[in-house]
Amino acid sequence: MDSRVNHEAWLEPLGSRLVARWGHYPRIDGRLDPHVVTNIMVVGEEGVRYTPVVLVHMEDGLRLEWRGGRASYAMIAYRRGPFSKTASGEWVYGDRVAVESVLGSVEKSMIIEGYAVYTRDPRSLEHLPTPLRLKLSIDTSPLCVRIEGVRAPDEQPDSHTTLSMWCRGEKTEDRECREAPIFILVKHDSKLGTGRVDTLRTILTVYIDAPPA
């Protein structure tokens, strides 16, 4: 599938700061367009929200910069599209109506809403301010994070959710990790049926870093 609709953003540590990566974890492929970012949140270890947060271009990502200490929790939200897939298999920017008027038949159209979360305390994931919510079983001493499910914002019978998990950079099918960093990827497709856009794809990535010593 085309990288414009198959890739995701994630946050990972870079020294005392964070960097937003773009690609198909753990492979970096290009860079997230800062113009699609709709919200940024960085919270310090004392629970203080740092603001403003600026994005600095790097060759392989966007570095988050703020005045303050190390982040305990952070989130970037972004929105991309609409994209439409033509009969020839090409993904192009534009909704179904616009693309059909220029290029002919469209197989599908999609808008992407993404949320990239970073945390050093997995207990913060119990109250994510995102449409997708993880159902987790969490122990912190010793660390053990187990995924028990995903709560999606809709109950459509034709919606579709995929879930993947990595432990220290290695993909696991167990849905359980005992060592950080832990990475979780959720993709949820739901039907919009607006006539212009068929599908809303919601993407959630979570990077669980080693907790403070």
C-alpha atoms as a PDB file:
ATOM      1  CA  MET A   1       0.000   0.000   0.000  1.00  0.00           C
ATOM      2  CA  ASP A   2       1.123   3.558  -0.700  1.00  0.00           C
ATOM      3  CA  SER A   3       3.183   5.160   2.075  1.00  0.00           C
ATOM      4  CA  ARG A   4       0.760   8.092   2.252  1.00  0.00           C
ATOM      5  CA  VAL A   5      -1.938   5.868   3.723  1.00  0.00           C
ATOM      6  CA  ASN A   6       0.131   3.031   5.208  1.00  0.00           C
ATOM      7  CA  HIS A   7       2.732   4.907   7.275  1.00  0.00           C
ATOM      8  CA  GLU A   8       2.345   6.299  10.772  1.00  0.00           C
ATOM      9  CA  ALA A   9       4.003   8.817  13.062  1.00  0.00           C
ATOM     10  CA  TRP A  10       5.512   7.934  16.424  1.00  0.00           C
ATOM     11  CA  LEU A  11       7.415   9.707  19.192  1.00  0.00           C
ATOM     12  CA  GLU A  12      10.671   8.437  20.622  1.00  0.00           C
ATOM     13  CA  PRO A  13      13.363   9.926  22.889  1.00  0.00           C
ATOM     14  CA  LEU A  14      16.342  11.832  21.529  1.00  0.00           C
ATOM     15  CA  GLY A  15      18.575  12.789  24.433  1.00  0.00           C
ATOM     16  CA  SER A  16      16.465  14.922  26.769  1.00  0.00           C
ATOM     17  CA  ARG A  17      14.000  15.731  24.005  1.00  0.00           C
ATOM     18  CA  LEU A  18      11.625  13.828  21.712  1.00  0.00           C
ATOM     19  CA  VAL A  19      11.550  13.301  17.966  1.00  0.00           C
ATOM     20  CA  ALA A  20       8.533  12.563  15.784  1.00  0.00           C
ATOM     21  CA  ARG A  21       9.388   9.812  13.310  1.00  0.00           C
ATOM     22  CA  TRP A  22       7.528   8.856  10.142  1.00  0.00           C
ATOM     23  CA  GLY A  23       7.473   5.478   8.458  1.00  0.00           C
ATOM     24  CA  HIS A  24       6.383   1.946   9.282  1.00  0.00           C
ATOM     25  CA  TYR A  25       7.815   1.224  12.739  1.00  0.00           C
ATOM     26  CA  PRO A  26      10.648   0.623  13.309  1.00  0.00           C
ATOM     27  CA  ARG A  27      11.670   1.654   9.777  1.00  0.00           C
ATOM     28  CA  ILE A  28      11.914   5.421   9.233  1.00  0.00           C
ATOM     29  CA  ASP A  29      10.788   6.586   5.800  1.00  0.00           C
ATOM     30  CA  GLY A  30      10.854  10.324   5.183  1.00  0.00           C
ATOM     31  CA  ARG A  31       9.488  12.858   7.639  1.00  0.00           C
ATOM     32  CA  LEU A  32       6.087  13.891   8.984  1.00  0.00           C
ATOM     33  CA  ASP A  33       4.809  17.072   7.342  1.00  0.00           C
ATOM     34  CA  PRO A  34       4.551  19.650  10.166  1.00  0.00           C
ATOM     35  CA  HIS A  35       1.623  21.315   8.392  1.00  0.00           C
ATOM     36  CA  VAL A  36      -0.636  18.317   9.145  1.00  0.00           C
ATOM     37  CA  VAL A  37       0.006  18.508  12.916  1.00  0.00           C
ATOM     38  CA  THR A  38      -3.140  19.699  14.703  1.00  0.00           C
ATOM     39  CA  ASN A  39      -2.087  19.472  18.358  1.00  0.00           C
ATOM     40  CA  ILE A  40       1.042  18.994  20.479  1.00  0.00           C
ATOM     41  CA  MET A  41       1.196  18.252  24.203  1.00  0.00           C
ATOM     42  CA  VAL A  42       4.307  17.795  26.356  1.00  0.00           C
ATOM     43  CA  VAL A  43       4.035  17.198  30.120  1.00  0.00           C
ATOM     44  CA  GLY A  44       7.001  17.179  32.491  1.00  0.00           C
ATOM     45  CA  GLU A  45       7.774  14.835  35.354  1.00  0.00           C
ATOM     46  CA  GLU A  46       6.044  17.157  37.854  1.00  0.00           C
ATOM     47  CA  GLY A  47       2.843  17.166  35.829  1.00  0.00           C
ATOM     48  CA  VAL A  48       3.453  20.625  34.336  1.00  0.00           C
ATOM     49  CA  ARG A  49       2.471  21.100  30.709  1.00  0.00           C
ATOM     50  CA  TYR A  50       5.233  22.777  28.719  1.00  0.00           C
ATOM     51  CA  THR A  51       4.153  25.412  26.232  1.00  0.00           C
ATOM     52  CA  PRO A  52       4.942  26.445  23.602  1.00  0.00           C
ATOM     53  CA  VAL A  53       6.407  23.423  21.840  1.00  0.00           C
ATOM     54  CA  VAL A  54       8.116  23.955  18.486  1.00  0.00           C
ATOM     55  CA  LEU A  55       9.041  21.487  15.755  1.00  0.00           C
ATOM     56  CA  VAL A  56      12.595  21.513  14.396  1.00  0.00           C
ATOM     57  CA  HIS A  57      13.345  19.903  11.019  1.00  0.00           C
ATOM     58  CA  MET A  58      15.847  17.040  11.048  1.00  0.00           C
ATOM     59  CA  GLU A  59      16.870  14.823   8.160  1.00  0.00           C
ATOM     60  CA  ASP A  60      14.949  11.878   9.624  1.00  0.00           C
ATOM     61  CA  GLY A  61      12.273  13.465  11.784  1.00  0.00           C
ATOM     62  CA  LEU A  62      10.876  16.472  13.619  1.00  0.00           C
ATOM     63  CA  ARG A  63      12.493  17.304  16.949  1.00  0.00           C
ATOM     64  CA  LEU A  64      10.211  18.647  19.672  1.00  0.00           C
ATOM     65  CA  GLU A  65      11.727  21.555  21.602  1.00  0.00           C
ATOM     66  CA  TRP A  66      10.425  23.331  24.702  1.00  0.00           C
ATOM     67  CA  ARG A  67      11.705  25.235  27.707  1.00  0.00           C
ATOM     68  CA  GLY A  68      11.789  22.815  30.616  1.00  0.00           C
ATOM     69  CA  GLY A  69      12.971  19.420  31.744  1.00  0.00           C
ATOM     70  CA  ARG A  70      12.506  15.960  30.359  1.00  0.00           C
ATOM     71  CA  ALA A  71       9.055  14.887  29.194  1.00  0.00           C
ATOM     72  CA  SER A  72       7.083  12.312  31.144  1.00  0.00           C
ATOM     73  CA  TYR A  73       4.187  12.279  28.659  1.00  0.00           C
ATOM     74  CA  ALA A  74       3.695  13.725  25.189  1.00  0.00           C
ATOM     75  CA  MET A  75       1.273  13.494  22.292  1.00  0.00           C
ATOM     76  CA  ILE A  76       1.121  14.731  18.712  1.00  0.00           C
ATOM     77  CA  ALA A  77      -2.152  14.691  16.765  1.00  0.00           C
ATOM     78  CA  TYR A  78      -2.258  15.000  12.986  1.00  0.00           C
ATOM     79  CA  ARG A  79      -4.775  14.825  10.151  1.00  0.00           C
ATOM     80  CA  ARG A  80      -3.960  13.830   6.562  1.00  0.00           C
ATOM     81  CA  GLY A  81      -6.000  13.600   3.396  1.00  0.00           C
ATOM     82  CA  PRO A  82      -8.376  13.101   1.863  1.00  0.00           C
ATOM     83  CA  PHE A  83      -6.688  10.550  -0.400  1.00  0.00           C
ATOM     84  CA  SER A  84      -8.351   8.568  -3.174  1.00  0.00           C
ATOM     85  CA  LYS A  85      -7.208   5.390  -4.906  1.00  0.00           C
ATOM     86  CA  THR A  86      -7.789   5.384  -8.661  1.00  0.00           C
ATOM     87  CA  ALA A  87      -8.679   2.377 -10.793  1.00  0.00           C
ATOM     88  CA  SER A  88      -4.993   2.154 -11.805  1.00  0.00           C
ATOM     89  CA  GLY A  89      -4.019   1.692  -8.131  1.00  0.00           C
ATOM     90  CA  GLU A  90      -2.526   5.158  -7.612  1.00  0.00           C
ATOM     91  CA  TRP A  91      -3.233   7.056  -4.399  1.00  0.00           C
ATOM     92  CA  VAL A  92      -3.716  10.779  -5.041  1.00  0.00           C
ATOM     93  CA  TYR A  93      -4.655  13.743  -2.893  1.00  0.00           C
ATOM     94  CA  GLY A  94      -8.330  14.684  -3.156  1.00  0.00           C
ATOM     95  CA  ASP A  95     -11.767  13.343  -2.239  1.00  0.00           C
ATOM     96  CA  ARG A  96     -13.763  10.891  -4.348  1.00  0.00           C
ATOM     97  CA  VAL A  97     -15.794  13.509  -6.198  1.00  0.00           C
ATOM     98  CA  ALA A  98     -12.806  15.682  -7.121  1.00  0.00           C
ATOM     99  CA  VAL A  99     -10.594  12.796  -8.236  1.00  0.00           C
ATOM    100  CA  GLU A 100     -13.343  11.088 -10.242  1.00  0.00           C
ATOM    101  CA  SER A 101     -14.034  14.331 -12.103  1.00  0.00           C
ATOM    102  CA  VAL A 102     -10.406  14.458 -13.281  1.00  0.00           C
ATOM    103  CA  LEU A 103      -9.020  10.903 -13.312  1.00  0.00           C
ATOM    104  CA  GLY A 104     -12.117   8.732 -13.627  1.00  0.00           C
ATOM    105  CA  SER A 105     -13.161   5.800 -11.450  1.00  0.00           C
ATOM    106  CA  VAL A 106     -12.095   5.741  -7.767  1.00  0.00           C
ATOM    107  CA  GLU A 107     -11.838   2.487  -5.790  1.00  0.00           C
ATOM    108  CA  LYS A 108     -11.764   4.025  -2.318  1.00  0.00           C
ATOM    109  CA  SER A 109     -11.156   7.300  -0.493  1.00  0.00           C
ATOM    110  CA  MET A 110      -9.770   7.926   2.968  1.00  0.00           C
ATOM    111  CA  ILE A 111      -9.013  10.529   5.636  1.00  0.00           C
ATOM    112  CA  ILE A 112      -6.382   9.736   8.280  1.00  0.00           C
ATOM    113  CA  GLU A 113      -6.418  10.978  11.869  1.00  0.00           C
ATOM    114  CA  GLY A 114      -3.318  10.033  13.830  1.00  0.00           C
ATOM    115  CA  TYR A 115      -2.180  10.215  17.446  1.00  0.00           C
ATOM    116  CA  ALA A 116       1.409   9.554  18.525  1.00  0.00           C
ATOM    117  CA  VAL A 117       1.857   9.118  22.282  1.00  0.00           C
ATOM    118  CA  TYR A 118       5.038   8.924  24.371  1.00  0.00           C
ATOM    119  CA  THR A 119       5.046   8.044  28.060  1.00  0.00           C
ATOM    120  CA  ARG A 120       7.416   7.002  30.816  1.00  0.00           C
ATOM    121  CA  ASP A 121       4.521   5.856  33.002  1.00  0.00           C
ATOM    122  CA  PRO A 122       2.292   3.240  31.329  1.00  0.00           C
ATOM    123  CA  ARG A 123      -0.471   3.971  33.850  1.00  0.00           C
ATOM    124  CA  SER A 124      -1.083   7.255  31.989  1.00  0.00           C
ATOM    125  CA  LEU A 125      -2.394   5.187  29.073  1.00  0.00           C
ATOM    126  CA  GLU A 126      -5.535   4.310  31.034  1.00  0.00           C
ATOM    127  CA  HIS A 127      -6.950   7.763  30.272  1.00  0.00           C
ATOM    128  CA  LEU A 128      -5.733   8.599  26.781  1.00  0.00           C
ATOM    129  CA  PRO A 129      -7.306  11.750  25.256  1.00  0.00           C
ATOM    130  CA  THR A 130      -7.692   9.941  21.927  1.00  0.00           C
ATOM    131  CA  PRO A 131     -10.627   8.285  20.096  1.00  0.00           C
ATOM    132  CA  LEU A 132      -8.932   4.878  20.392  1.00  0.00           C
ATOM    133  CA  ARG A 133      -8.455   3.609  23.947  1.00  0.00           C
ATOM    134  CA  LEU A 134      -6.249   0.706  24.961  1.00  0.00           C
ATOM    135  CA  LYS A 135      -7.509  -1.840  27.472  1.00  0.00           C
ATOM    136  CA  LEU A 136      -4.346  -2.731  29.367  1.00  0.00           C
ATOM    137  CA  SER A 137      -3.203  -4.791  32.307  1.00  0.00           C
ATOM    138  CA  ILE A 138      -0.241  -2.941  33.854  1.00  0.00           C
ATOM    139  CA  ASP A 139       2.299  -3.815  36.518  1.00  0.00           C
ATOM    140  CA  THR A 140       5.113  -1.381  37.203  1.00  0.00           C
ATOM    141  CA  SER A 141       7.378  -3.349  39.569  1.00  0.00           C
ATOM    142  CA  PRO A 142       8.513  -5.339  37.751  1.00  0.00           C
ATOM    143  CA  LEU A 143       7.289  -3.836  34.499  1.00  0.00           C
ATOM    144  CA  CYS A 144       4.669  -5.811  32.608  1.00  0.00           C
ATOM    145  CA  VAL A 145       2.269  -4.337  30.023  1.00  0.00           C
ATOM    146  CA  ARG A 146      -0.365  -6.629  28.548  1.00  0.00           C
ATOM    147  CA  ILE A 147      -2.886  -5.542  25.894  1.00  0.00           C
ATOM    148  CA  GLU A 148      -6.362  -6.917  26.515  1.00  0.00           C
ATOM    149  CA  GLY A 149      -8.175  -5.037  23.769  1.00  0.00           C
ATOM    150  CA  VAL A 150      -9.005  -1.741  22.076  1.00  0.00           C
ATOM    151  CA  ARG A 151     -12.023   0.508  22.539  1.00  0.00           C
ATOM    152  CA  ALA A 152     -13.014   2.154  19.267  1.00  0.00           C
ATOM    153  CA  PRO A 153     -15.262   5.236  18.996  1.00  0.00           C
ATOM    154  CA  ASP A 154     -17.837   3.447  16.809  1.00  0.00           C
ATOM    155  CA  GLU A 155     -19.710   0.173  16.884  1.00  0.00           C
ATOM    156  CA  GLN A 156     -20.068  -0.312  13.136  1.00  0.00           C
ATOM    157  CA  PRO A 157     -20.201  -3.979  12.137  1.00  0.00           C
ATOM    158  CA  ASP A 158     -17.967  -3.334   9.092  1.00  0.00           C
ATOM    159  CA  SER A 159     -15.258  -1.435  10.963  1.00  0.00           C
ATOM    160  CA  HIS A 160     -11.829  -3.049  11.184  1.00  0.00           C
ATOM    161  CA  THR A 161      -9.061  -2.835  13.803  1.00  0.00           C
ATOM    162  CA  THR A 162      -5.479  -4.110  13.673  1.00  0.00           C
ATOM    163  CA  LEU A 163      -3.134  -4.221  16.670  1.00  0.00           C
ATOM    164  CA  SER A 164       0.633  -4.799  16.791  1.00  0.00           C
ATOM    165  CA  MET A 165       3.208  -4.720  19.603  1.00  0.00           C
ATOM    166  CA  TRP A 166       7.011  -4.523  19.772  1.00  0.00           C
ATOM    167  CA  CYS A 167       9.240  -5.277  22.779  1.00  0.00           C
ATOM    168  CA  ARG A 168      12.661  -3.625  22.624  1.00  0.00           C
ATOM    169  CA  GLY A 169      12.345  -3.308  18.852  1.00  0.00           C
ATOM    170  CA  GLU A 170      11.221  -6.915  18.263  1.00  0.00           C
ATOM    171  CA  LYS A 171       7.659  -7.599  17.143  1.00  0.00           C
ATOM    172  CA  THR A 172       5.734  -9.967  19.412  1.00  0.00           C
ATOM    173  CA  GLU A 173       2.468 -11.838  18.976  1.00  0.00           C
ATOM    174  CA  ASP A 174       2.026 -12.302  22.744  1.00  0.00           C
ATOM    175  CA  ARG A 175       0.575  -8.806  23.341  1.00  0.00           C
ATOM    176  CA  GLU A 176       2.700  -8.677  26.489  1.00  0.00           C
ATOM    177  CA  CYS A 177       6.017  -6.949  27.184  1.00  0.00           C
ATOM    178  CA  ARG A 178       8.171  -6.911  30.306  1.00  0.00           C
ATOM    179  CA  GLU A 179      10.969  -4.602  29.139  1.00  0.00           C
ATOM    180  CA  ALA A 180      10.944  -1.061  27.783  1.00  0.00           C
ATOM    181  CA  PRO A 181      10.902   0.402  25.256  1.00  0.00           C
ATOM    182  CA  ILE A 182       7.498  -0.948  24.306  1.00  0.00           C
ATOM    183  CA  PHE A 183       5.770   0.116  21.093  1.00  0.00           C
ATOM    184  CA  ILE A 184       2.079  -0.336  20.288  1.00  0.00           C
ATOM    185  CA  LEU A 185       0.390   0.360  16.939  1.00  0.00           C
ATOM    186  CA  VAL A 186      -3.383   0.411  16.425  1.00  0.00           C
ATOM    187  CA  LYS A 187      -5.167   1.135  13.146  1.00  0.00           C
ATOM    188  CA  HIS A 188      -8.955   1.404  13.002  1.00  0.00           C
ATOM    189  CA  ASP A 189     -10.943   1.836   9.781  1.00  0.00           C
ATOM    190  CA  SER A 190     -14.559   2.987   9.994  1.00  0.00           C
ATOM    191  CA  LYS A 191     -17.000   3.912   7.253  1.00  0.00           C
ATOM    192  CA  LEU A 192     -17.928   7.554   6.730  1.00  0.00           C
ATOM    193  CA  GLY A 193     -20.268   7.204   3.765  1.00  0.00           C
ATOM    194  CA  THR A 194     -20.299  10.933   3.024  1.00  0.00           C
ATOM    195  CA  GLY A 195     -20.173  10.441  -0.743  1.00  0.00           C
ATOM    196  CA  ARG A 196     -16.850  12.243  -0.847  1.00  0.00           C
ATOM    197  CA  VAL A 197     -14.826  10.130   1.597  1.00  0.00           C
ATOM    198  CA  ASP A 198     -15.468   6.434   2.278  1.00  0.00           C
ATOM    199  CA  THR A 199     -13.235   5.674   5.246  1.00  0.00           C
ATOM    200  CA  LEU A 200     -11.816   7.311   8.348  1.00  0.00           C
ATOM    201  CA  ARG A 201      -8.581   5.631   9.378  1.00  0.00           C
ATOM    202  CA  THR A 202      -7.626   6.361  12.986  1.00  0.00           C
ATOM    203  CA  ILE A 203      -4.032   5.522  13.929  1.00  0.00           C
ATOM    204  CA  LEU A 204      -2.670   5.347  17.472  1.00  0.00           C
ATOM    205  CA  THR A 205       0.997   4.754  18.273  1.00  0.00           C
ATOM    206  CA  VAL A 206       2.294   4.464  21.818  1.00  0.00           C
ATOM    207  CA  TYR A 207       5.961   4.476  22.829  1.00  0.00           C
ATOM    208  CA  ILE A 208       6.505   3.378  26.444  1.00  0.00           C
ATOM    209  CA  ASP A 209       9.964   4.441  27.592  1.00  0.00           C
ATOM    210  CA  ALA A 210      11.884   3.158  30.583  1.00  0.00           C
ATOM    211  CA  PRO A 211      10.422   4.706  33.766  1.00  0.00           C
ATOM    212  CA  PRO A 212      12.488   7.128  35.864  1.00  0.00           C
ATOM    213  CA  ALA A 213      15.088   5.414  38.008  1.00  0.00           C
END
